Amino acid sequence: MNTEKATCKEVMNHICDNLGEELDSPRCVAIKTHLDSCDSCKKYFTSVETTIQFYKKYNVEVDDNTHKRLLNFLGLED
């Protein structure tokens, strides 16, 4: 991911992979800057953060096929 200016897809991929990471790395600074200026990503981030906090106490196993289908549905497949 470009550390100068992050795209919405890069932000969403990074949020899914690294929510809770320290926000002082160049990558995270670029993401924070993007979130500050993009209402769509900010709403998405808040939604993901809330969902993760809500389900943190649950240990749910998801098979690989379901995981891939979910990423595809969210438009986050590689």
Protein backbone atom coordinates (compact mmCIF):
# COMPACT_ATOMS: atom_id res chain seq x y z
CA MET A 1 0.00 0.00 0.00
CA ASN A 2 1.21 3.47 -0.85
CA THR A 3 2.00 5.33 2.39
CA GLU A 4 1.44 8.75 0.81
CA LYS A 5 -2.25 8.38 -0.03
CA ALA A 6 -4.33 5.30 0.69
CA THR A 7 -7.27 4.24 -1.50
CA CYS A 8 -10.60 3.05 -0.08
CA LYS A 9 -9.85 -0.58 -1.02
CA GLU A 10 -6.40 -0.40 0.62
CA VAL A 11 -7.93 1.07 3.76
CA MET A 12 -10.60 -1.62 3.92
CA ASN A 13 -8.09 -4.43 3.33
CA HIS A 14 -5.77 -3.04 5.99
CA ILE A 15 -8.57 -2.56 8.51
CA CYS A 16 -9.67 -6.16 8.09
CA ASP A 17 -6.12 -7.45 8.41
CA ASN A 18 -4.80 -5.21 11.16
CA LEU A 19 -7.51 -3.62 13.27
CA GLY A 20 -5.97 -2.67 16.58
CA GLU A 21 -2.47 -2.02 15.21
CA GLU A 22 -0.57 1.00 16.52
CA LEU A 23 -1.36 4.06 14.41
CA ASP A 24 2.15 5.53 14.35
CA SER A 25 3.58 3.57 11.40
CA PRO A 26 3.68 5.36 8.02
CA ARG A 27 1.02 2.99 6.67
CA CYS A 28 -1.30 3.63 9.59
CA VAL A 29 -0.75 7.39 9.38
CA ALA A 30 -1.81 7.24 5.70
CA ILE A 31 -4.89 5.24 6.68
CA LYS A 32 -5.80 7.64 9.48
CA THR A 33 -5.43 10.56 7.07
CA HIS A 34 -7.70 8.77 4.60
CA LEU A 35 -10.27 7.98 7.30
CA ASP A 36 -10.28 11.63 8.36
CA SER A 37 -11.26 12.69 4.85
CA CYS A 38 -13.44 9.80 3.62
CA ASP A 39 -16.85 9.45 5.26
CA SER A 40 -17.49 6.11 3.55
CA CYS A 41 -14.34 4.49 4.95
CA LYS A 42 -14.88 6.13 8.34
CA LYS A 43 -18.37 4.58 8.55
CA TYR A 44 -16.98 1.23 7.40
CA PHE A 45 -14.17 1.38 9.98
CA THR A 46 -16.59 2.24 12.78
CA SER A 47 -18.88 -0.61 11.72
CA VAL A 48 -16.03 -3.14 11.62
CA GLU A 49 -14.63 -1.91 14.92
CA THR A 50 -18.04 -2.15 16.63
CA THR A 51 -18.68 -5.60 15.18
CA ILE A 52 -15.28 -6.89 16.30
CA GLN A 53 -15.76 -5.52 19.81
CA PHE A 54 -19.22 -7.10 19.99
CA TYR A 55 -18.05 -10.53 18.82
CA LYS A 56 -14.65 -10.56 20.53
CA LYS A 57 -16.01 -12.75 23.29
CA TYR A 58 -17.15 -15.42 20.81
CA ASN A 59 -14.86 -18.02 19.26
CA VAL A 60 -16.49 -18.92 15.96
CA GLU A 61 -14.70 -21.11 13.43
CA VAL A 62 -15.42 -20.32 9.78
CA ASP A 63 -14.35 -22.74 7.07
CA ASP A 64 -12.10 -21.51 4.25
CA ASN A 65 -14.88 -21.57 1.65
CA THR A 66 -17.17 -19.41 3.78
CA HIS A 67 -14.31 -17.04 4.52
CA LYS A 68 -13.51 -16.69 0.79
CA ARG A 69 -17.19 -16.14 -0.05
CA LEU A 70 -17.44 -13.43 2.62
CA LEU A 71 -14.36 -11.63 1.33
CA ASN A 72 -15.75 -11.88 -2.20
CA PHE A 73 -19.10 -10.50 -1.06
CA LEU A 74 -17.37 -7.59 0.68
CA GLY A 75 -15.23 -6.94 -2.40
CA LEU A 76 -12.03 -7.62 -0.47
CA GLU A 77 -10.71 -10.66 -2.33
CA ASP A 78 -7.13 -10.43 -3.55
